mmCIF file of all heavy atoms, coordinates in Angstrom:
data_MODEL
# 
_entry.id   MODEL 
# 
loop_
_atom_site.group_PDB 
_atom_site.id 
_atom_site.type_symbol 
_atom_site.label_atom_id 
_atom_site.label_alt_id 
_atom_site.label_comp_id 
_atom_site.label_asym_id 
_atom_site.label_entity_id 
_atom_site.label_seq_id 
_atom_site.pdbx_PDB_ins_code 
_atom_site.Cartn_x 
_atom_site.Cartn_y 
_atom_site.Cartn_z 
_atom_site.occupancy 
_atom_site.B_iso_or_equiv 
_atom_site.pdbx_formal_charge 
_atom_site.auth_seq_id 
_atom_site.auth_comp_id 
_atom_site.auth_asym_id 
_atom_site.auth_atom_id 
_atom_site.pdbx_PDB_model_num 
ATOM 1   N N   . VAL A 1 1  ? 0.827  -1.202  0.000  1.00 0.00 ? 1  VAL A N   1 
ATOM 2   C CA  . VAL A 1 1  ? 0.000  0.000   0.000  1.00 0.00 ? 1  VAL A CA  1 
ATOM 3   C C   . VAL A 1 1  ? 0.865  1.258   0.000  1.00 0.00 ? 1  VAL A C   1 
ATOM 4   O O   . VAL A 1 1  ? 0.557  2.248   -0.675 1.00 0.00 ? 1  VAL A O   1 
ATOM 5   C CB  . VAL A 1 1  ? -0.940 -0.005  1.221  1.00 0.00 ? 1  VAL A CB  1 
ATOM 6   C CG1 . VAL A 1 1  ? -1.649 1.337   1.369  1.00 0.00 ? 1  VAL A CG1 1 
ATOM 7   C CG2 . VAL A 1 1  ? -1.955 -1.144  1.109  1.00 0.00 ? 1  VAL A CG2 1 
ATOM 8   N N   . ALA A 1 2  ? 1.968  1.210   0.752  1.00 0.00 ? 2  ALA A N   1 
ATOM 9   C CA  . ALA A 1 2  ? 2.854  2.371   0.870  1.00 0.00 ? 2  ALA A CA  1 
ATOM 10  C C   . ALA A 1 2  ? 3.872  2.466   -0.253 1.00 0.00 ? 2  ALA A C   1 
ATOM 11  O O   . ALA A 1 2  ? 4.681  3.399   -0.270 1.00 0.00 ? 2  ALA A O   1 
ATOM 12  C CB  . ALA A 1 2  ? 3.593  2.315   2.212  1.00 0.00 ? 2  ALA A CB  1 
ATOM 13  N N   . ALA A 1 3  ? 3.846  1.526   -1.200 1.00 0.00 ? 3  ALA A N   1 
ATOM 14  C CA  . ALA A 1 3  ? 4.835  1.483   -2.284 1.00 0.00 ? 3  ALA A CA  1 
ATOM 15  C C   . ALA A 1 3  ? 6.252  1.442   -1.737 1.00 0.00 ? 3  ALA A C   1 
ATOM 16  O O   . ALA A 1 3  ? 7.177  2.059   -2.278 1.00 0.00 ? 3  ALA A O   1 
ATOM 17  C CB  . ALA A 1 3  ? 4.660  2.670   -3.232 1.00 0.00 ? 3  ALA A CB  1 
ATOM 18  N N   . SER A 1 4  ? 6.445  0.672   -0.672 1.00 0.00 ? 4  SER A N   1 
ATOM 19  C CA  . SER A 1 4  ? 7.756  0.553   -0.033 1.00 0.00 ? 4  SER A CA  1 
ATOM 20  C C   . SER A 1 4  ? 8.682  -0.340  -0.855 1.00 0.00 ? 4  SER A C   1 
ATOM 21  O O   . SER A 1 4  ? 8.260  -1.382  -1.370 1.00 0.00 ? 4  SER A O   1 
ATOM 22  C CB  . SER A 1 4  ? 7.591  -0.029  1.373  1.00 0.00 ? 4  SER A CB  1 
ATOM 23  O OG  . SER A 1 4  ? 8.824  -0.461  1.898  1.00 0.00 ? 4  SER A OG  1 
ATOM 24  N N   . THR A 1 5  ? 9.937  0.036   -0.918 1.00 0.00 ? 5  THR A N   1 
ATOM 25  C CA  . THR A 1 5  ? 10.911 -0.802  -1.616 1.00 0.00 ? 5  THR A CA  1 
ATOM 26  C C   . THR A 1 5  ? 11.174 -2.104  -0.870 1.00 0.00 ? 5  THR A C   1 
ATOM 27  O O   . THR A 1 5  ? 11.760 -3.033  -1.436 1.00 0.00 ? 5  THR A O   1 
ATOM 28  C CB  . THR A 1 5  ? 12.241 -0.055  -1.792 1.00 0.00 ? 5  THR A CB  1 
ATOM 29  O OG1 . THR A 1 5  ? 12.708 0.375   -0.512 1.00 0.00 ? 5  THR A OG1 1 
ATOM 30  C CG2 . THR A 1 5  ? 12.078 1.153   -2.697 1.00 0.00 ? 5  THR A CG2 1 
ATOM 31  N N   . ASP A 1 6  ? 10.736 -2.183  0.390  1.00 0.00 ? 6  ASP A N   1 
ATOM 32  C CA  . ASP A 1 6  ? 10.927 -3.403  1.173  1.00 0.00 ? 6  ASP A CA  1 
ATOM 33  C C   . ASP A 1 6  ? 9.787  -4.399  1.001  1.00 0.00 ? 6  ASP A C   1 
ATOM 34  O O   . ASP A 1 6  ? 9.815  -5.472  1.602  1.00 0.00 ? 6  ASP A O   1 
ATOM 35  C CB  . ASP A 1 6  ? 11.076 -3.054  2.663  1.00 0.00 ? 6  ASP A CB  1 
ATOM 36  C CG  . ASP A 1 6  ? 12.353 -2.284  2.950  1.00 0.00 ? 6  ASP A CG  1 
ATOM 37  O OD1 . ASP A 1 6  ? 13.359 -2.531  2.260  1.00 0.00 ? 6  ASP A OD1 1 
ATOM 38  O OD2 . ASP A 1 6  ? 12.339 -1.437  3.861  1.00 0.00 ? 6  ASP A OD2 1 
ATOM 39  N N   . GLU A 1 7  ? 8.770  -4.040  0.206  1.00 0.00 ? 7  GLU A N   1 
ATOM 40  C CA  . GLU A 1 7  ? 7.681  -4.979  -0.046 1.00 0.00 ? 7  GLU A CA  1 
ATOM 41  C C   . GLU A 1 7  ? 8.257  -6.222  -0.725 1.00 0.00 ? 7  GLU A C   1 
ATOM 42  O O   . GLU A 1 7  ? 9.116  -6.109  -1.598 1.00 0.00 ? 7  GLU A O   1 
ATOM 43  C CB  . GLU A 1 7  ? 6.629  -4.295  -0.940 1.00 0.00 ? 7  GLU A CB  1 
ATOM 44  C CG  . GLU A 1 7  ? 5.320  -5.038  -1.039 1.00 0.00 ? 7  GLU A CG  1 
ATOM 45  C CD  . GLU A 1 7  ? 5.307  -6.039  -2.171 1.00 0.00 ? 7  GLU A CD  1 
ATOM 46  O OE1 . GLU A 1 7  ? 6.128  -5.887  -3.104 1.00 0.00 ? 7  GLU A OE1 1 
ATOM 47  O OE2 . GLU A 1 7  ? 4.498  -6.973  -2.131 1.00 0.00 ? 7  GLU A OE2 1 
ATOM 48  N N   . PRO A 1 8  ? 7.836  -7.434  -0.327 1.00 0.00 ? 8  PRO A N   1 
ATOM 49  C CA  . PRO A 1 8  ? 8.590  -8.638  -0.683 1.00 0.00 ? 8  PRO A CA  1 
ATOM 50  C C   . PRO A 1 8  ? 8.511  -9.105  -2.120 1.00 0.00 ? 8  PRO A C   1 
ATOM 51  O O   . PRO A 1 8  ? 9.323  -9.932  -2.526 1.00 0.00 ? 8  PRO A O   1 
ATOM 52  C CB  . PRO A 1 8  ? 7.996  -9.699  0.256  1.00 0.00 ? 8  PRO A CB  1 
ATOM 53  C CG  . PRO A 1 8  ? 6.604  -9.228  0.525  1.00 0.00 ? 8  PRO A CG  1 
ATOM 54  C CD  . PRO A 1 8  ? 6.708  -7.730  0.565  1.00 0.00 ? 8  PRO A CD  1 
ATOM 55  N N   . ILE A 1 9  ? 7.565  -8.615  -2.894 1.00 0.00 ? 9  ILE A N   1 
ATOM 56  C CA  . ILE A 1 9  ? 7.468  -9.148  -4.253 1.00 0.00 ? 9  ILE A CA  1 
ATOM 57  C C   . ILE A 1 9  ? 7.679  -8.070  -5.296 1.00 0.00 ? 9  ILE A C   1 
ATOM 58  O O   . ILE A 1 9  ? 8.563  -8.178  -6.147 1.00 0.00 ? 9  ILE A O   1 
ATOM 59  C CB  . ILE A 1 9  ? 6.125  -9.896  -4.484 1.00 0.00 ? 9  ILE A CB  1 
ATOM 60  C CG1 . ILE A 1 9  ? 6.192  -10.718 -5.778 1.00 0.00 ? 9  ILE A CG1 1 
ATOM 61  C CG2 . ILE A 1 9  ? 4.949  -8.952  -4.455 1.00 0.00 ? 9  ILE A CG2 1 
ATOM 62  C CD1 . ILE A 1 9  ? 7.073  -11.929 -5.686 1.00 0.00 ? 9  ILE A CD1 1 
ATOM 63  N N   . ALA A 1 10 ? 6.910  -6.995  -5.277 1.00 0.00 ? 10 ALA A N   1 
ATOM 64  C CA  . ALA A 1 10 ? 7.025  -5.959  -6.310 1.00 0.00 ? 10 ALA A CA  1 
ATOM 65  C C   . ALA A 1 10 ? 8.020  -4.873  -5.934 1.00 0.00 ? 10 ALA A C   1 
ATOM 66  O O   . ALA A 1 10 ? 8.403  -4.070  -6.788 1.00 0.00 ? 10 ALA A O   1 
ATOM 67  C CB  . ALA A 1 10 ? 5.656  -5.332  -6.593 1.00 0.00 ? 10 ALA A CB  1 
ATOM 68  N N   . GLY A 1 11 ? 8.408  -4.809  -4.673 1.00 0.00 ? 11 GLY A N   1 
ATOM 69  C CA  . GLY A 1 11 ? 9.411  -3.829  -4.264 1.00 0.00 ? 11 GLY A CA  1 
ATOM 70  C C   . GLY A 1 11 ? 8.982  -2.396  -4.477 1.00 0.00 ? 11 GLY A C   1 
ATOM 71  O O   . GLY A 1 11 ? 9.797  -1.533  -4.791 1.00 0.00 ? 11 GLY A O   1 
ATOM 72  N N   . GLY A 1 12 ? 7.665  -2.122  -4.318 1.00 0.00 ? 12 GLY A N   1 
ATOM 73  C CA  . GLY A 1 12 ? 7.181  -0.760  -4.460 1.00 0.00 ? 12 GLY A CA  1 
ATOM 74  C C   . GLY A 1 12 ? 6.665  -0.417  -5.838 1.00 0.00 ? 12 GLY A C   1 
ATOM 75  O O   . GLY A 1 12 ? 6.281  0.730   -6.078 1.00 0.00 ? 12 GLY A O   1 
ATOM 76  N N   . ARG A 1 13 ? 6.641  -1.370  -6.754 1.00 0.00 ? 13 ARG A N   1 
ATOM 77  C CA  . ARG A 1 13 ? 6.188  -1.074  -8.126 1.00 0.00 ? 13 ARG A CA  1 
ATOM 78  C C   . ARG A 1 13 ? 4.680  -1.185  -8.286 1.00 0.00 ? 13 ARG A C   1 
ATOM 79  O O   . ARG A 1 13 ? 4.116  -0.613  -9.201 1.00 0.00 ? 13 ARG A O   1 
ATOM 80  C CB  . ARG A 1 13 ? 6.900  -2.006  -9.108 1.00 0.00 ? 13 ARG A CB  1 
ATOM 81  C CG  . ARG A 1 13 ? 8.375  -1.673  -9.234 1.00 0.00 ? 13 ARG A CG  1 
ATOM 82  C CD  . ARG A 1 13 ? 9.171  -2.741  -9.957 1.00 0.00 ? 13 ARG A CD  1 
ATOM 83  N NE  . ARG A 1 13 ? 10.585 -2.367  -9.953 1.00 0.00 ? 13 ARG A NE  1 
ATOM 84  C CZ  . ARG A 1 13 ? 11.407 -2.589  -8.934 1.00 0.00 ? 13 ARG A CZ  1 
ATOM 85  N NH1 . ARG A 1 13 ? 10.965 -3.202  -7.843 1.00 0.00 ? 13 ARG A NH1 1 
ATOM 86  N NH2 . ARG A 1 13 ? 12.663 -2.189  -8.982 1.00 0.00 ? 13 ARG A NH2 1 
ATOM 87  N N   . HIS A 1 14 ? 4.041  -1.939  -7.413 1.00 0.00 ? 14 HIS A N   1 
ATOM 88  C CA  . HIS A 1 14 ? 2.594  -2.095  -7.495 1.00 0.00 ? 14 HIS A CA  1 
ATOM 89  C C   . HIS A 1 14 ? 2.143  -2.778  -6.212 1.00 0.00 ? 14 HIS A C   1 
ATOM 90  O O   . HIS A 1 14 ? 2.937  -3.440  -5.528 1.00 0.00 ? 14 HIS A O   1 
ATOM 91  C CB  . HIS A 1 14 ? 2.208  -2.937  -8.713 1.00 0.00 ? 14 HIS A CB  1 
ATOM 92  C CG  . HIS A 1 14 ? 0.754  -2.876  -9.073 1.00 0.00 ? 14 HIS A CG  1 
ATOM 93  N ND1 . HIS A 1 14 ? -0.009 -1.753  -8.910 1.00 0.00 ? 14 HIS A ND1 1 
ATOM 94  C CD2 . HIS A 1 14 ? -0.085 -3.816  -9.595 1.00 0.00 ? 14 HIS A CD2 1 
ATOM 95  C CE1 . HIS A 1 14 ? -1.241 -1.982  -9.330 1.00 0.00 ? 14 HIS A CE1 1 
ATOM 96  N NE2 . HIS A 1 14 ? -1.315 -3.237  -9.745 1.00 0.00 ? 14 HIS A NE2 1 
ATOM 97  N N   . LYS A 1 15 ? 0.875  -2.645  -5.892 1.00 0.00 ? 15 LYS A N   1 
ATOM 98  C CA  . LYS A 1 15 ? 0.298  -3.390  -4.766 1.00 0.00 ? 15 LYS A CA  1 
ATOM 99  C C   . LYS A 1 15 ? -0.287 -4.676  -5.331 1.00 0.00 ? 15 LYS A C   1 
ATOM 100 O O   . LYS A 1 15 ? -1.312 -4.658  -6.009 1.00 0.00 ? 15 LYS A O   1 
ATOM 101 C CB  . LYS A 1 15 ? -0.776 -2.555  -4.076 1.00 0.00 ? 15 LYS A CB  1 
ATOM 102 C CG  . LYS A 1 15 ? -1.696 -3.342  -3.144 1.00 0.00 ? 15 LYS A CG  1 
ATOM 103 C CD  . LYS A 1 15 ? -0.921 -3.945  -1.975 1.00 0.00 ? 15 LYS A CD  1 
ATOM 104 C CE  . LYS A 1 15 ? -1.873 -4.754  -1.102 1.00 0.00 ? 15 LYS A CE  1 
ATOM 105 N NZ  . LYS A 1 15 ? -2.269 -6.017  -1.752 1.00 0.00 ? 15 LYS A NZ  1 
ATOM 106 N N   . VAL A 1 16 ? 0.379  -5.773  -5.062 1.00 0.00 ? 16 VAL A N   1 
ATOM 107 C CA  . VAL A 1 16 ? -0.077 -7.077  -5.541 1.00 0.00 ? 16 VAL A CA  1 
ATOM 108 C C   . VAL A 1 16 ? 0.005  -8.077  -4.399 1.00 0.00 ? 16 VAL A C   1 
ATOM 109 O O   . VAL A 1 16 ? 0.772  -7.901  -3.453 1.00 0.00 ? 16 VAL A O   1 
ATOM 110 C CB  . VAL A 1 16 ? 0.779  -7.582  -6.729 1.00 0.00 ? 16 VAL A CB  1 
ATOM 111 C CG1 . VAL A 1 16 ? 0.565  -6.741  -7.965 1.00 0.00 ? 16 VAL A CG1 1 
ATOM 112 C CG2 . VAL A 1 16 ? 2.257  -7.616  -6.364 1.00 0.00 ? 16 VAL A CG2 1 
ATOM 113 N N   . PHE A 1 17 ? -0.789 -9.131  -4.477 1.00 0.00 ? 17 PHE A N   1 
ATOM 114 C CA  . PHE A 1 17 ? -0.618 -10.256 -3.569 1.00 0.00 ? 17 PHE A CA  1 
ATOM 115 C C   . PHE A 1 17 ? 0.350  -11.223 -4.230 1.00 0.00 ? 17 PHE A C   1 
ATOM 116 O O   . PHE A 1 17 ? 0.025  -11.883 -5.224 1.00 0.00 ? 17 PHE A O   1 
ATOM 117 C CB  . PHE A 1 17 ? -1.959 -10.939 -3.289 1.00 0.00 ? 17 PHE A CB  1 
ATOM 118 C CG  . PHE A 1 17 ? -2.861 -10.144 -2.390 1.00 0.00 ? 17 PHE A CG  1 
ATOM 119 C CD1 . PHE A 1 17 ? -4.045 -9.623  -2.866 1.00 0.00 ? 17 PHE A CD1 1 
ATOM 120 C CD2 . PHE A 1 17 ? -2.508 -9.909  -1.067 1.00 0.00 ? 17 PHE A CD2 1 
ATOM 121 C CE1 . PHE A 1 17 ? -4.875 -8.891  -2.040 1.00 0.00 ? 17 PHE A CE1 1 
ATOM 122 C CE2 . PHE A 1 17 ? -3.328 -9.169  -0.234 1.00 0.00 ? 17 PHE A CE2 1 
ATOM 123 C CZ  . PHE A 1 17 ? -4.515 -8.650  -0.713 1.00 0.00 ? 17 PHE A CZ  1 
ATOM 124 N N   . GLY A 1 18 ? 1.549  -11.285 -3.693 1.00 0.00 ? 18 GLY A N   1 
ATOM 125 C CA  . GLY A 1 18 ? 2.560  -12.167 -4.249 1.00 0.00 ? 18 GLY A CA  1 
ATOM 126 C C   . GLY A 1 18 ? 3.676  -12.398 -3.269 1.00 0.00 ? 18 GLY A C   1 
ATOM 127 O O   . GLY A 1 18 ? 4.028  -11.505 -2.482 1.00 0.00 ? 18 GLY A O   1 
ATOM 128 N N   . ASN A 1 19 ? 4.219  -13.590 -3.285 1.00 0.00 ? 19 ASN A N   1 
ATOM 129 C CA  . ASN A 1 19 ? 5.352  -13.913 -2.426 1.00 0.00 ? 19 ASN A CA  1 
ATOM 130 C C   . ASN A 1 19 ? 5.918  -15.241 -2.898 1.00 0.00 ? 19 ASN A C   1 
ATOM 131 O O   . ASN A 1 19 ? 5.224  -16.260 -2.859 1.00 0.00 ? 19 ASN A O   1 
ATOM 132 C CB  . ASN A 1 19 ? 4.899  -13.995 -0.959 1.00 0.00 ? 19 ASN A CB  1 
ATOM 133 C CG  . ASN A 1 19 ? 6.066  -14.044 -0.003 1.00 0.00 ? 19 ASN A CG  1 
ATOM 134 O OD1 . ASN A 1 19 ? 6.994  -14.832 -0.167 1.00 0.00 ? 19 ASN A OD1 1 
ATOM 135 N ND2 . ASN A 1 19 ? 6.006  -13.203 1.030  1.00 0.00 ? 19 ASN A ND2 1 
ATOM 136 N N   . ALA A 1 20 ? 7.157  -15.225 -3.354 1.00 0.00 ? 20 ALA A N   1 
ATOM 137 C CA  . ALA A 1 20 ? 7.749  -16.444 -3.903 1.00 0.00 ? 20 ALA A CA  1 
ATOM 138 C C   . ALA A 1 20 ? 7.876  -17.526 -2.840 1.00 0.00 ? 20 ALA A C   1 
ATOM 139 O O   . ALA A 1 20 ? 7.732  -18.719 -3.139 1.00 0.00 ? 20 ALA A O   1 
ATOM 140 C CB  . ALA A 1 20 ? 9.113  -16.133 -4.515 1.00 0.00 ? 20 ALA A CB  1 
ATOM 141 N N   . ASP A 1 21 ? 8.141  -17.141 -1.588 1.00 0.00 ? 21 ASP A N   1 
ATOM 142 C CA  . ASP A 1 21 ? 8.248  -18.133 -0.517 1.00 0.00 ? 21 ASP A CA  1 
ATOM 143 C C   . ASP A 1 21 ? 6.920  -18.835 -0.271 1.00 0.00 ? 21 ASP A C   1 
ATOM 144 O O   . ASP A 1 21 ? 6.886  -19.975 0.201  1.00 0.00 ? 21 ASP A O   1 
ATOM 145 C CB  . ASP A 1 21 ? 8.710  -17.466 0.782  1.00 0.00 ? 21 ASP A CB  1 
ATOM 146 C CG  . ASP A 1 21 ? 10.123 -16.902 0.673  1.00 0.00 ? 21 ASP A CG  1 
ATOM 147 O OD1 . ASP A 1 21 ? 10.890 -17.369 -0.192 1.00 0.00 ? 21 ASP A OD1 1 
ATOM 148 O OD2 . ASP A 1 21 ? 10.441 -15.987 1.447  1.00 0.00 ? 21 ASP A OD2 1 
ATOM 149 N N   . LEU A 1 22 ? 5.824  -18.153 -0.571 1.00 0.00 ? 22 LEU A N   1 
ATOM 150 C CA  . LEU A 1 22 ? 4.492  -18.692 -0.329 1.00 0.00 ? 22 LEU A CA  1 
ATOM 151 C C   . LEU A 1 22 ? 3.854  -19.259 -1.591 1.00 0.00 ? 22 LEU A C   1 
ATOM 152 O O   . LEU A 1 22 ? 2.678  -19.626 -1.582 1.00 0.00 ? 22 LEU A O   1 
ATOM 153 C CB  . LEU A 1 22 ? 3.582  -17.596 0.244  1.00 0.00 ? 22 LEU A CB  1 
ATOM 154 C CG  . LEU A 1 22 ? 4.073  -16.908 1.523  1.00 0.00 ? 22 LEU A CG  1 
ATOM 155 C CD1 . LEU A 1 22 ? 3.128  -15.784 1.913  1.00 0.00 ? 22 LEU A CD1 1 
ATOM 156 C CD2 . LEU A 1 22 ? 4.203  -17.918 2.661  1.00 0.00 ? 22 LEU A CD2 1 
ATOM 157 N N   . ALA A 1 23 ? 4.611  -19.319 -2.687 1.00 0.00 ? 23 ALA A N   1 
ATOM 158 C CA  . ALA A 1 23 ? 4.114  -19.824 -3.976 1.00 0.00 ? 23 ALA A CA  1 
ATOM 159 C C   . ALA A 1 23 ? 2.912  -19.023 -4.456 1.00 0.00 ? 23 ALA A C   1 
ATOM 160 O O   . ALA A 1 23 ? 2.014  -19.560 -5.116 1.00 0.00 ? 23 ALA A O   1 
ATOM 161 C CB  . ALA A 1 23 ? 3.774  -21.311 -3.895 1.00 0.00 ? 23 ALA A CB  1 
ATOM 162 N N   . ILE A 1 24 ? 2.892  -17.728 -4.147 1.00 0.00 ? 24 ILE A N   1 
ATOM 163 C CA  . ILE A 1 24 ? 1.840  -16.839 -4.637 1.00 0.00 ? 24 ILE A CA  1 
ATOM 164 C C   . ILE A 1 24 ? 2.437  -15.987 -5.743 1.00 0.00 ? 24 ILE A C   1 
ATOM 165 O O   . ILE A 1 24 ? 3.339  -15.174 -5.502 1.00 0.00 ? 24 ILE A O   1 
ATOM 166 C CB  . ILE A 1 24 ? 1.273  -15.960 -3.509 1.00 0.00 ? 24 ILE A CB  1 
ATOM 167 C CG1 . ILE A 1 24 ? 0.662  -16.836 -2.410 1.00 0.00 ? 24 ILE A CG1 1 
ATOM 168 C CG2 . ILE A 1 24 ? 0.221  -15.004 -4.066 1.00 0.00 ? 24 ILE A CG2 1 
ATOM 169 C CD1 . ILE A 1 24 ? 0.143  -16.060 -1.218 1.00 0.00 ? 24 ILE A CD1 1 
# 
């Protein structure tokens, strides 16, 4: 939501539900 570079999948490029560790 905050477009943070620490977001685990898109790194601030978009708000998505995704996480490679979770197979999402």
